[in-house]
Amino acid sequence: MEALHPGDPIDVVAPSSAFERERFDRGIDALREIGLVPRFSEEIFSRTGHLAGDDARRKRELEAAFRSDAKALILARGGYGLLRFASELKRLPRKLLIGYSDATVLHELWRRKGMPSIHGPMCTQLGEDPSALERLRALLFDEPIGPLSWTSRSAHGGRAEGPLAGGNLATLGSMCGTPVQPEFRGCIVLIEDLNEPPYRLDRLLTQLALSGALDGAKAFVVGDLTAPGEDPEGREEVVAERLGKLAVPVVFGAPFGHAGRNQPVAFGCAHALDADAGKLTPLESPTVAAQS
């Protein structure tokens, strides 16, 4: 898996929900701004109900990106749709995957193959936060990046080291009991979500715990759980109660998620977490980890 360079192509795919053209175009401009050449077909703008075209179209587009000469692929948008055919995806490419939300399904497939991926903004979110775009550029081009720091709200303090994994909580819950059920033994687990009141957060975390997905996790880094205008009452409390039973560090307020903040991080790469300080330090780059 190679680092990207200015002028390299990057494939843009829509294997999940349909999306707004204006936000997509802004993301395409952002990719060009950092020196990449985004490639996509007009079929990406298809709509079949809530999806970006039917399953056959979306799967065909994704598999074509798997086979292409581009070193990376980025999702246009998340939402939902990948789980409908994820277990049919066989020949995963050794290239960088970028996305979050429904891309959580693909991150788990990459993790199983020992390949790094980038949890971060997708095409329809790029261009909204210059710092996230710059961090993504540095990750793709194998340039040094510093730690992420935030105002810590630690439910259970401590330090941990391990590869980063996880993603969107509702998507992780939907994967339980399927061929792509997640497994986070030895990992620092990132989770985020919105539009999930406390009882649903309780249900999702309980499902993950009972499935065994959380067994052996080293720590949890919790991103945004609410969007602007949502009532946050009880959300962090129920997450702290559910994860507290695992007796590992748990820290809230990390700059990831659907609520506007979404700093890119390399899944599958070792990180050091200081839950008391609210600090996540990368110890590997995704390209170096892929070559080791």
C-alpha atoms as a PDB file:
ATOM      1  CA  MET A   1       0.000   0.000   0.000  1.00  0.00           C
ATOM      2  CA  GLU A   2       1.703   3.176  -1.214  1.00  0.00           C
ATOM      3  CA  ALA A   3       1.517   6.769  -0.066  1.00  0.00           C
ATOM      4  CA  LEU A   4      -0.183   9.116  -2.489  1.00  0.00           C
ATOM      5  CA  HIS A   5       1.518  11.980  -4.304  1.00  0.00           C
ATOM      6  CA  PRO A   6       0.219  15.160  -5.936  1.00  0.00           C
ATOM      7  CA  GLY A   7      -1.400  14.279  -9.252  1.00  0.00           C
ATOM      8  CA  ASP A   8      -2.471  10.784  -8.187  1.00  0.00           C
ATOM      9  CA  PRO A   9      -6.041   9.649  -8.926  1.00  0.00           C
ATOM     10  CA  ILE A  10      -8.506   8.796  -6.174  1.00  0.00           C
ATOM     11  CA  ASP A  11     -11.718   6.880  -6.872  1.00  0.00           C
ATOM     12  CA  VAL A  12     -14.981   8.262  -5.472  1.00  0.00           C
ATOM     13  CA  VAL A  13     -17.727   5.675  -4.893  1.00  0.00           C
ATOM     14  CA  ALA A  14     -21.262   5.689  -3.510  1.00  0.00           C
ATOM     15  CA  PRO A  15     -22.027   2.210  -2.112  1.00  0.00           C
ATOM     16  CA  SER A  16     -24.576   3.497   0.407  1.00  0.00           C
ATOM     17  CA  SER A  17     -27.131   6.321   0.487  1.00  0.00           C
ATOM     18  CA  ALA A  18     -27.880   8.909  -2.161  1.00  0.00           C
ATOM     19  CA  PHE A  19     -26.468  12.405  -1.600  1.00  0.00           C
ATOM     20  CA  GLU A  20     -26.712  16.104  -2.382  1.00  0.00           C
ATOM     21  CA  ARG A  21     -24.882  17.182  -5.537  1.00  0.00           C
ATOM     22  CA  GLU A  22     -23.823  20.555  -4.110  1.00  0.00           C
ATOM     23  CA  ARG A  23     -22.004  19.022  -1.124  1.00  0.00           C
ATOM     24  CA  PHE A  24     -20.476  16.363  -3.382  1.00  0.00           C
ATOM     25  CA  ASP A  25     -19.088  18.989  -5.753  1.00  0.00           C
ATOM     26  CA  ARG A  26     -17.557  20.877  -2.826  1.00  0.00           C
ATOM     27  CA  GLY A  27     -15.812  17.685  -1.728  1.00  0.00           C
ATOM     28  CA  ILE A  28     -14.497  17.074  -5.240  1.00  0.00           C
ATOM     29  CA  ASP A  29     -13.035  20.591  -5.210  1.00  0.00           C
ATOM     30  CA  ALA A  30     -11.411  19.868  -1.830  1.00  0.00           C
ATOM     31  CA  LEU A  31      -9.748  16.709  -3.183  1.00  0.00           C
ATOM     32  CA  ARG A  32      -8.380  18.734  -6.084  1.00  0.00           C
ATOM     33  CA  GLU A  33      -7.204  21.407  -3.655  1.00  0.00           C
ATOM     34  CA  ILE A  34      -4.886  18.913  -1.936  1.00  0.00           C
ATOM     35  CA  GLY A  35      -3.484  17.808  -5.275  1.00  0.00           C
ATOM     36  CA  LEU A  36      -5.479  14.674  -6.066  1.00  0.00           C
ATOM     37  CA  VAL A  37      -7.441  13.803  -9.215  1.00  0.00           C
ATOM     38  CA  PRO A  38     -10.899  12.516  -8.199  1.00  0.00           C
ATOM     39  CA  ARG A  39     -12.521  10.011 -10.577  1.00  0.00           C
ATOM     40  CA  PHE A  40     -16.173   8.968 -10.702  1.00  0.00           C
ATOM     41  CA  SER A  41     -18.835   8.033 -13.211  1.00  0.00           C
ATOM     42  CA  GLU A  42     -22.165   9.742 -13.786  1.00  0.00           C
ATOM     43  CA  GLU A  43     -23.857   6.618 -12.419  1.00  0.00           C
ATOM     44  CA  ILE A  44     -22.787   7.746  -8.949  1.00  0.00           C
ATOM     45  CA  PHE A  45     -25.732  10.173  -8.978  1.00  0.00           C
ATOM     46  CA  SER A  46     -28.271   7.353  -9.354  1.00  0.00           C
ATOM     47  CA  ARG A  47     -31.140   7.032  -6.869  1.00  0.00           C
ATOM     48  CA  THR A  48     -33.174   3.987  -5.952  1.00  0.00           C
ATOM     49  CA  GLY A  49     -35.316   4.926  -2.993  1.00  0.00           C
ATOM     50  CA  HIS A  50     -32.931   6.004  -0.215  1.00  0.00           C
ATOM     51  CA  LEU A  51     -29.934   4.369  -1.915  1.00  0.00           C
ATOM     52  CA  ALA A  52     -27.440   5.611  -4.530  1.00  0.00           C
ATOM     53  CA  GLY A  53     -28.807   3.179  -7.097  1.00  0.00           C
ATOM     54  CA  ASP A  54     -29.671  -0.483  -6.747  1.00  0.00           C
ATOM     55  CA  ASP A  55     -27.411  -3.043  -5.064  1.00  0.00           C
ATOM     56  CA  ALA A  56     -25.956  -4.267  -8.352  1.00  0.00           C
ATOM     57  CA  ARG A  57     -24.912  -0.761  -9.435  1.00  0.00           C
ATOM     58  CA  ARG A  58     -23.372   0.167  -6.107  1.00  0.00           C
ATOM     59  CA  LYS A  59     -21.506  -3.128  -5.740  1.00  0.00           C
ATOM     60  CA  ARG A  60     -20.252  -2.965  -9.346  1.00  0.00           C
ATOM     61  CA  GLU A  61     -18.916   0.558  -8.823  1.00  0.00           C
ATOM     62  CA  LEU A  62     -17.176  -0.394  -5.575  1.00  0.00           C
ATOM     63  CA  GLU A  63     -15.550  -3.496  -7.075  1.00  0.00           C
ATOM     64  CA  ALA A  64     -14.372  -1.478 -10.084  1.00  0.00           C
ATOM     65  CA  ALA A  65     -12.630   0.875  -7.652  1.00  0.00           C
ATOM     66  CA  PHE A  66     -11.077  -2.168  -5.968  1.00  0.00           C
ATOM     67  CA  ARG A  67      -9.522  -3.172  -9.317  1.00  0.00           C
ATOM     68  CA  SER A  68      -8.450   0.269 -10.531  1.00  0.00           C
ATOM     69  CA  ASP A  69      -4.949   1.720 -10.542  1.00  0.00           C
ATOM     70  CA  ALA A  70      -5.816   4.364  -7.917  1.00  0.00           C
ATOM     71  CA  LYS A  71      -4.033   4.040  -4.566  1.00  0.00           C
ATOM     72  CA  ALA A  72      -7.091   5.150  -2.576  1.00  0.00           C
ATOM     73  CA  LEU A  73     -10.870   5.273  -2.655  1.00  0.00           C
ATOM     74  CA  ILE A  74     -13.219   7.573  -0.779  1.00  0.00           C
ATOM     75  CA  LEU A  75     -16.946   7.213  -0.175  1.00  0.00           C
ATOM     76  CA  ALA A  76     -19.239   9.958  -1.426  1.00  0.00           C
ATOM     77  CA  ARG A  77     -21.557   9.551   1.546  1.00  0.00           C
ATOM     78  CA  GLY A  78     -22.456   7.084   4.289  1.00  0.00           C
ATOM     79  CA  GLY A  79     -26.003   6.505   5.441  1.00  0.00           C
ATOM     80  CA  TYR A  80     -26.872   2.874   4.782  1.00  0.00           C
ATOM     81  CA  GLY A  81     -26.486   0.225   2.110  1.00  0.00           C
ATOM     82  CA  LEU A  82     -23.152  -1.584   2.407  1.00  0.00           C
ATOM     83  CA  LEU A  83     -24.414  -4.314   4.710  1.00  0.00           C
ATOM     84  CA  ARG A  84     -26.726  -5.532   1.934  1.00  0.00           C
ATOM     85  CA  PHE A  85     -23.755  -6.985   0.009  1.00  0.00           C
ATOM     86  CA  ALA A  86     -20.682  -6.651   2.244  1.00  0.00           C
ATOM     87  CA  SER A  87     -20.314 -10.398   2.793  1.00  0.00           C
ATOM     88  CA  GLU A  88     -20.088 -10.851  -1.006  1.00  0.00           C
ATOM     89  CA  LEU A  89     -16.992  -8.650  -1.316  1.00  0.00           C
ATOM     90  CA  LYS A  90     -14.079 -11.049  -1.729  1.00  0.00           C
ATOM     91  CA  ARG A  91     -10.942  -9.528  -3.247  1.00  0.00           C
ATOM     92  CA  LEU A  92     -10.201  -6.489  -1.139  1.00  0.00           C
ATOM     93  CA  PRO A  93      -7.531  -4.211  -2.578  1.00  0.00           C
ATOM     94  CA  ARG A  94      -4.365  -3.127  -0.801  1.00  0.00           C
ATOM     95  CA  LYS A  95      -5.241   0.535  -1.048  1.00  0.00           C
ATOM     96  CA  LEU A  96      -6.368   3.184   1.404  1.00  0.00           C
ATOM     97  CA  LEU A  97     -10.079   3.410   2.165  1.00  0.00           C
ATOM     98  CA  ILE A  98     -11.483   6.729   3.427  1.00  0.00           C
ATOM     99  CA  GLY A  99     -14.857   7.237   5.077  1.00  0.00           C
ATOM    100  CA  TYR A 100     -16.977   6.924   8.189  1.00  0.00           C
ATOM    101  CA  SER A 101     -20.645   6.239   9.010  1.00  0.00           C
ATOM    102  CA  ASP A 102     -21.684   3.301   6.776  1.00  0.00           C
ATOM    103  CA  ALA A 103     -18.011   2.904   5.797  1.00  0.00           C
ATOM    104  CA  THR A 104     -17.675   1.263   9.230  1.00  0.00           C
ATOM    105  CA  VAL A 105     -18.590  -1.989   7.441  1.00  0.00           C
ATOM    106  CA  LEU A 106     -15.625  -1.651   5.084  1.00  0.00           C
ATOM    107  CA  HIS A 107     -13.288  -0.628   7.907  1.00  0.00           C
ATOM    108  CA  GLU A 108     -14.036  -3.946   9.593  1.00  0.00           C
ATOM    109  CA  LEU A 109     -13.290  -5.857   6.381  1.00  0.00           C
ATOM    110  CA  TRP A 110      -9.988  -3.977   6.016  1.00  0.00           C
ATOM    111  CA  ARG A 111      -9.132  -4.689   9.682  1.00  0.00           C
ATOM    112  CA  ARG A 112      -9.658  -8.427   9.179  1.00  0.00           C
ATOM    113  CA  LYS A 113      -7.103  -8.379   6.364  1.00  0.00           C
ATOM    114  CA  GLY A 114      -4.589  -6.495   8.483  1.00  0.00           C
ATOM    115  CA  MET A 115      -4.841  -3.406   6.266  1.00  0.00           C
ATOM    116  CA  PRO A 116      -5.022   0.174   7.527  1.00  0.00           C
ATOM    117  CA  SER A 117      -7.869   2.474   6.550  1.00  0.00           C
ATOM    118  CA  ILE A 118      -8.777   6.077   7.304  1.00  0.00           C
ATOM    119  CA  HIS A 119     -11.799   6.950   9.410  1.00  0.00           C
ATOM    120  CA  GLY A 120     -12.589  10.493   8.369  1.00  0.00           C
ATOM    121  CA  PRO A 121     -14.627  12.850   6.228  1.00  0.00           C
ATOM    122  CA  MET A 122     -16.231  11.579   3.057  1.00  0.00           C
ATOM    123  CA  CYS A 123     -16.673  13.543  -0.134  1.00  0.00           C
ATOM    124  CA  THR A 124     -19.881  15.276   0.988  1.00  0.00           C
ATOM    125  CA  GLN A 125     -18.192  16.438   4.216  1.00  0.00           C
ATOM    126  CA  LEU A 126     -14.831  17.497   2.791  1.00  0.00           C
ATOM    127  CA  GLY A 127     -14.314  21.225   2.442  1.00  0.00           C
ATOM    128  CA  GLU A 128     -16.187  22.084   5.649  1.00  0.00           C
ATOM    129  CA  ASP A 129     -13.167  21.927   7.980  1.00  0.00           C
ATOM    130  CA  PRO A 130      -9.747  23.011   6.632  1.00  0.00           C
ATOM    131  CA  SER A 131      -7.903  21.336   9.541  1.00  0.00           C
ATOM    132  CA  ALA A 132      -9.537  17.959   8.799  1.00  0.00           C
ATOM    133  CA  LEU A 133      -8.678  18.311   5.106  1.00  0.00           C
ATOM    134  CA  GLU A 134      -5.046  19.085   5.928  1.00  0.00           C
ATOM    135  CA  ARG A 135      -4.817  16.126   8.304  1.00  0.00           C
ATOM    136  CA  LEU A 136      -6.281  13.859   5.617  1.00  0.00           C
ATOM    137  CA  ARG A 137      -3.719  15.138   3.121  1.00  0.00           C
ATOM    138  CA  ALA A 138      -0.892  14.394   5.557  1.00  0.00           C
ATOM    139  CA  LEU A 139      -2.169  10.863   6.207  1.00  0.00           C
ATOM    140  CA  LEU A 140      -2.512  10.102   2.500  1.00  0.00           C
ATOM    141  CA  PHE A 141       0.865  11.588   1.582  1.00  0.00           C
ATOM    142  CA  ASP A 142       2.671   9.917   4.523  1.00  0.00           C
ATOM    143  CA  GLU A 143       3.662  13.182   6.164  1.00  0.00           C
ATOM    144  CA  PRO A 144       4.138  13.596   9.935  1.00  0.00           C
ATOM    145  CA  ILE A 145       0.998  14.348  11.945  1.00  0.00           C
ATOM    146  CA  GLY A 146       0.709  15.331  15.563  1.00  0.00           C
ATOM    147  CA  PRO A 147      -1.591  14.022  18.280  1.00  0.00           C
ATOM    148  CA  LEU A 148      -5.247  14.935  18.553  1.00  0.00           C
ATOM    149  CA  SER A 149      -6.105  16.732  21.793  1.00  0.00           C
ATOM    150  CA  TRP A 150      -9.450  17.815  23.199  1.00  0.00           C
ATOM    151  CA  THR A 151     -11.065  18.878  26.452  1.00  0.00           C
ATOM    152  CA  SER A 152     -11.195  15.594  28.293  1.00  0.00           C
ATOM    153  CA  ARG A 153     -14.349  14.239  29.861  1.00  0.00           C
ATOM    154  CA  SER A 154     -12.956  10.996  31.188  1.00  0.00           C
ATOM    155  CA  ALA A 155     -15.402   8.458  32.576  1.00  0.00           C
ATOM    156  CA  HIS A 156     -12.602   6.038  33.382  1.00  0.00           C
ATOM    157  CA  GLY A 157      -9.067   7.407  33.263  1.00  0.00           C
ATOM    158  CA  GLY A 158      -5.851   5.746  32.268  1.00  0.00           C
ATOM    159  CA  ARG A 159      -3.607   5.063  29.304  1.00  0.00           C
ATOM    160  CA  ALA A 160      -3.676   2.449  26.582  1.00  0.00           C
ATOM    161  CA  GLU A 161      -1.832   1.538  23.407  1.00  0.00           C
ATOM    162  CA  GLY A 162      -3.137  -0.490  20.489  1.00  0.00           C
ATOM    163  CA  PRO A 163      -4.464  -0.305  16.937  1.00  0.00           C
ATOM    164  CA  LEU A 164      -7.436   1.988  16.437  1.00  0.00           C
ATOM    165  CA  ALA A 165     -10.723   0.426  15.272  1.00  0.00           C
ATOM    166  CA  GLY A 166     -14.483   0.946  15.503  1.00  0.00           C
ATOM    167  CA  GLY A 167     -16.734   3.499  13.845  1.00  0.00           C
ATOM    168  CA  ASN A 168     -20.400   4.382  13.876  1.00  0.00           C
ATOM    169  CA  LEU A 169     -22.214   2.760  16.777  1.00  0.00           C
ATOM    170  CA  ALA A 170     -25.512   2.004  15.027  1.00  0.00           C
ATOM    171  CA  THR A 171     -23.645   0.451  12.097  1.00  0.00           C
ATOM    172  CA  LEU A 172     -21.516  -1.667  14.438  1.00  0.00           C
ATOM    173  CA  GLY A 173     -24.674  -2.890  16.170  1.00  0.00           C
ATOM    174  CA  SER A 174     -26.283  -3.801  12.838  1.00  0.00           C
ATOM    175  CA  MET A 175     -23.242  -5.962  11.996  1.00  0.00           C
ATOM    176  CA  CYS A 176     -23.684  -8.202  15.043  1.00  0.00           C
ATOM    177  CA  GLY A 177     -24.817 -11.720  14.153  1.00  0.00           C
ATOM    178  CA  THR A 178     -23.705 -11.313  10.521  1.00  0.00           C
ATOM    179  CA  PRO A 179     -20.613 -12.561   8.655  1.00  0.00           C
ATOM    180  CA  VAL A 180     -19.052  -9.119   9.231  1.00  0.00           C
ATOM    181  CA  GLN A 181     -19.558  -8.965  13.001  1.00  0.00           C
ATOM    182  CA  PRO A 182     -16.839  -6.746  14.522  1.00  0.00           C
ATOM    183  CA  GLU A 183     -14.197  -7.977  16.951  1.00  0.00           C
ATOM    184  CA  PHE A 184     -12.064  -5.482  18.886  1.00  0.00           C
ATOM    185  CA  ARG A 185      -9.754  -7.565  21.055  1.00  0.00           C
ATOM    186  CA  GLY A 186      -6.545  -5.620  21.679  1.00  0.00           C
ATOM    187  CA  CYS A 187      -7.880  -2.429  20.074  1.00  0.00           C
ATOM    188  CA  ILE A 188      -8.575   1.132  21.126  1.00  0.00           C
ATOM    189  CA  VAL A 189     -12.181   1.476  19.985  1.00  0.00           C
ATOM    190  CA  LEU A 190     -13.562   4.699  18.505  1.00  0.00           C
ATOM    191  CA  ILE A 191     -17.353   5.085  18.577  1.00  0.00           C
ATOM    192  CA  GLU A 192     -19.670   7.932  17.559  1.00  0.00           C
ATOM    193  CA  ASP A 193     -23.306   8.457  16.631  1.00  0.00           C
ATOM    194  CA  LEU A 194     -26.183  10.920  16.690  1.00  0.00           C
ATOM    195  CA  ASN A 195     -29.984  10.778  16.774  1.00  0.00           C
ATOM    196  CA  GLU A 196     -29.712   7.949  19.312  1.00  0.00           C
ATOM    197  CA  PRO A 197     -31.426   8.659  22.660  1.00  0.00           C
ATOM    198  CA  PRO A 198     -30.062   7.025  25.815  1.00  0.00           C
ATOM    199  CA  TYR A 199     -32.181   3.873  25.652  1.00  0.00           C
ATOM    200  CA  ARG A 200     -31.023   3.142  22.115  1.00  0.00           C
ATOM    201  CA  LEU A 201     -27.377   3.766  23.000  1.00  0.00           C
ATOM    202  CA  ASP A 202     -27.900   1.318  25.877  1.00  0.00           C
ATOM    203  CA  ARG A 203     -29.385  -1.262  23.517  1.00  0.00           C
ATOM    204  CA  LEU A 204     -26.609  -0.907  20.923  1.00  0.00           C
ATOM    205  CA  LEU A 205     -23.796  -1.208  23.457  1.00  0.00           C
ATOM    206  CA  THR A 206     -25.494  -4.096  25.211  1.00  0.00           C
ATOM    207  CA  GLN A 207     -25.849  -5.897  21.878  1.00  0.00           C
ATOM    208  CA  LEU A 208     -22.175  -5.378  21.077  1.00  0.00           C
ATOM    209  CA  ALA A 209     -21.147  -6.551  24.537  1.00  0.00           C
ATOM    210  CA  LEU A 210     -23.327  -9.673  24.459  1.00  0.00           C
ATOM    211  CA  SER A 211     -22.067 -10.557  20.974  1.00  0.00           C
ATOM    212  CA  GLY A 212     -18.484 -10.625  22.263  1.00  0.00           C
ATOM    213  CA  ALA A 213     -17.430  -7.795  19.941  1.00  0.00           C
ATOM    214  CA  LEU A 214     -16.070  -5.726  22.839  1.00  0.00           C
ATOM    215  CA  ASP A 215     -14.211  -8.557  24.592  1.00  0.00           C
ATOM    216  CA  GLY A 216     -10.580  -7.653  25.189  1.00  0.00           C
ATOM    217  CA  ALA A 217     -10.886  -4.034  23.996  1.00  0.00           C
ATOM    218  CA  LYS A 218      -8.149  -1.876  25.546  1.00  0.00           C
ATOM    219  CA  ALA A 219      -9.958   1.485  25.689  1.00  0.00           C
ATOM    220  CA  PHE A 220     -12.816   3.505  24.204  1.00  0.00           C
ATOM    221  CA  VAL A 221     -12.625   6.940  22.593  1.00  0.00           C
ATOM    222  CA  VAL A 222     -16.124   8.394  22.251  1.00  0.00           C
ATOM    223  CA  GLY A 223     -16.776  11.092  19.667  1.00  0.00           C
ATOM    224  CA  ASP A 224     -19.922  13.130  19.158  1.00  0.00           C
ATOM    225  CA  LEU A 225     -23.174  11.626  20.433  1.00  0.00           C
ATOM    226  CA  THR A 226     -25.402  14.599  19.610  1.00  0.00           C
ATOM    227  CA  ALA A 227     -25.890  17.037  16.775  1.00  0.00           C
ATOM    228  CA  PRO A 228     -26.647  20.741  17.316  1.00  0.00           C
ATOM    229  CA  GLY A 229     -30.185  21.046  18.679  1.00  0.00           C
ATOM    230  CA  GLU A 230     -30.320  17.518  20.102  1.00  0.00           C
ATOM    231  CA  ASP A 231     -30.888  16.984  23.807  1.00  0.00           C
ATOM    232  CA  PRO A 232     -27.647  15.472  25.196  1.00  0.00           C
ATOM    233  CA  GLU A 233     -29.147  14.530  28.567  1.00  0.00           C
ATOM    234  CA  GLY A 234     -28.298  11.006  29.666  1.00  0.00           C
ATOM    235  CA  ARG A 235     -26.270  10.006  26.624  1.00  0.00           C
ATOM    236  CA  GLU A 236     -22.757  10.097  28.024  1.00  0.00           C
ATOM    237  CA  GLU A 237     -24.035   8.677  31.297  1.00  0.00           C
ATOM    238  CA  VAL A 238     -25.491   5.549  29.734  1.00  0.00           C
ATOM    239  CA  VAL A 239     -22.402   4.993  27.554  1.00  0.00           C
ATOM    240  CA  ALA A 240     -20.174   5.391  30.611  1.00  0.00           C
ATOM    241  CA  GLU A 241     -22.298   2.904  32.553  1.00  0.00           C
ATOM    242  CA  ARG A 242     -22.282   0.285  29.781  1.00  0.00           C
ATOM    243  CA  LEU A 243     -18.571   0.590  28.955  1.00  0.00           C
ATOM    244  CA  GLY A 244     -17.546   1.044  32.578  1.00  0.00           C
ATOM    245  CA  LYS A 245     -18.235  -2.632  33.208  1.00  0.00           C
ATOM    246  CA  LEU A 246     -15.213  -3.436  31.012  1.00  0.00           C
ATOM    247  CA  ALA A 247     -12.825  -1.647  33.427  1.00  0.00           C
ATOM    248  CA  VAL A 248     -10.745   0.059  30.704  1.00  0.00           C
ATOM    249  CA  PRO A 249     -10.175   3.751  29.920  1.00  0.00           C
ATOM    250  CA  VAL A 250     -13.201   5.559  28.472  1.00  0.00           C
ATOM    251  CA  VAL A 251     -12.984   9.186  27.340  1.00  0.00           C
ATOM    252  CA  PHE A 252     -15.649  11.441  25.797  1.00  0.00           C
ATOM    253  CA  GLY A 253     -15.551  14.537  23.631  1.00  0.00           C
ATOM    254  CA  ALA A 254     -13.146  13.304  20.940  1.00  0.00           C
ATOM    255  CA  PRO A 255     -13.333  15.255  17.647  1.00  0.00           C
ATOM    256  CA  PHE A 256     -15.014  12.598  15.511  1.00  0.00           C
ATOM    257  CA  GLY A 257     -18.493  12.077  14.183  1.00  0.00           C
ATOM    258  CA  HIS A 258     -21.563  13.322  12.375  1.00  0.00           C
ATOM    259  CA  ALA A 259     -21.924  16.643  14.217  1.00  0.00           C
ATOM    260  CA  GLY A 260     -19.439  18.678  12.157  1.00  0.00           C
ATOM    261  CA  ARG A 261     -16.135  17.670  13.783  1.00  0.00           C
ATOM    262  CA  ASN A 262     -14.457  14.727  12.123  1.00  0.00           C
ATOM    263  CA  GLN A 263     -10.685  14.637  12.277  1.00  0.00           C
ATOM    264  CA  PRO A 264      -9.193  11.795  10.193  1.00  0.00           C
ATOM    265  CA  VAL A 265      -7.446   8.944  12.009  1.00  0.00           C
ATOM    266  CA  ALA A 266      -5.787   5.768  10.762  1.00  0.00           C
ATOM    267  CA  PHE A 267      -7.627   2.598  11.719  1.00  0.00           C
ATOM    268  CA  GLY A 268      -5.433  -0.479  11.997  1.00  0.00           C
ATOM    269  CA  CYS A 269      -2.466   1.630  13.124  1.00  0.00           C
ATOM    270  CA  ALA A 270      -1.086   1.783  16.663  1.00  0.00           C
ATOM    271  CA  HIS A 271      -2.097   4.767  18.795  1.00  0.00           C
ATOM    272  CA  ALA A 272      -1.431   5.844  22.375  1.00  0.00           C
ATOM    273  CA  LEU A 273      -4.399   7.130  24.348  1.00  0.00           C
ATOM    274  CA  ASP A 274      -4.213   9.288  27.457  1.00  0.00           C
ATOM    275  CA  ALA A 275      -7.830   9.333  28.628  1.00  0.00           C
ATOM    276  CA  ASP A 276      -7.153  11.762  31.474  1.00  0.00           C
ATOM    277  CA  ALA A 277      -5.584  14.357  29.183  1.00  0.00           C
ATOM    278  CA  GLY A 278      -7.855  13.767  26.192  1.00  0.00           C
ATOM    279  CA  LYS A 279      -4.991  12.960  23.840  1.00  0.00           C
ATOM    280  CA  LEU A 280      -4.691  10.397  21.043  1.00  0.00           C
ATOM    281  CA  THR A 281      -1.218  10.049  19.539  1.00  0.00           C
ATOM    282  CA  PRO A 282      -0.541   8.103  16.320  1.00  0.00           C
ATOM    283  CA  LEU A 283       2.422   5.730  16.574  1.00  0.00           C
ATOM    284  CA  GLU A 284       2.325   4.483  12.948  1.00  0.00           C
ATOM    285  CA  SER A 285       1.347   5.901   9.592  1.00  0.00           C
ATOM    286  CA  PRO A 286      -1.126   3.944   7.467  1.00  0.00           C
ATOM    287  CA  THR A 287       1.322   3.493   4.630  1.00  0.00           C
ATOM    288  CA  VAL A 288       4.247   2.363   6.805  1.00  0.00           C
ATOM    289  CA  ALA A 289       1.954  -0.025   8.720  1.00  0.00           C
ATOM    290  CA  ALA A 290       0.780  -1.511   5.453  1.00  0.00           C
ATOM    291  CA  GLN A 291       4.349  -2.186   4.304  1.00  0.00           C
ATOM    292  CA  SER A 292       5.584  -3.737   7.550  1.00  0.00           C
END
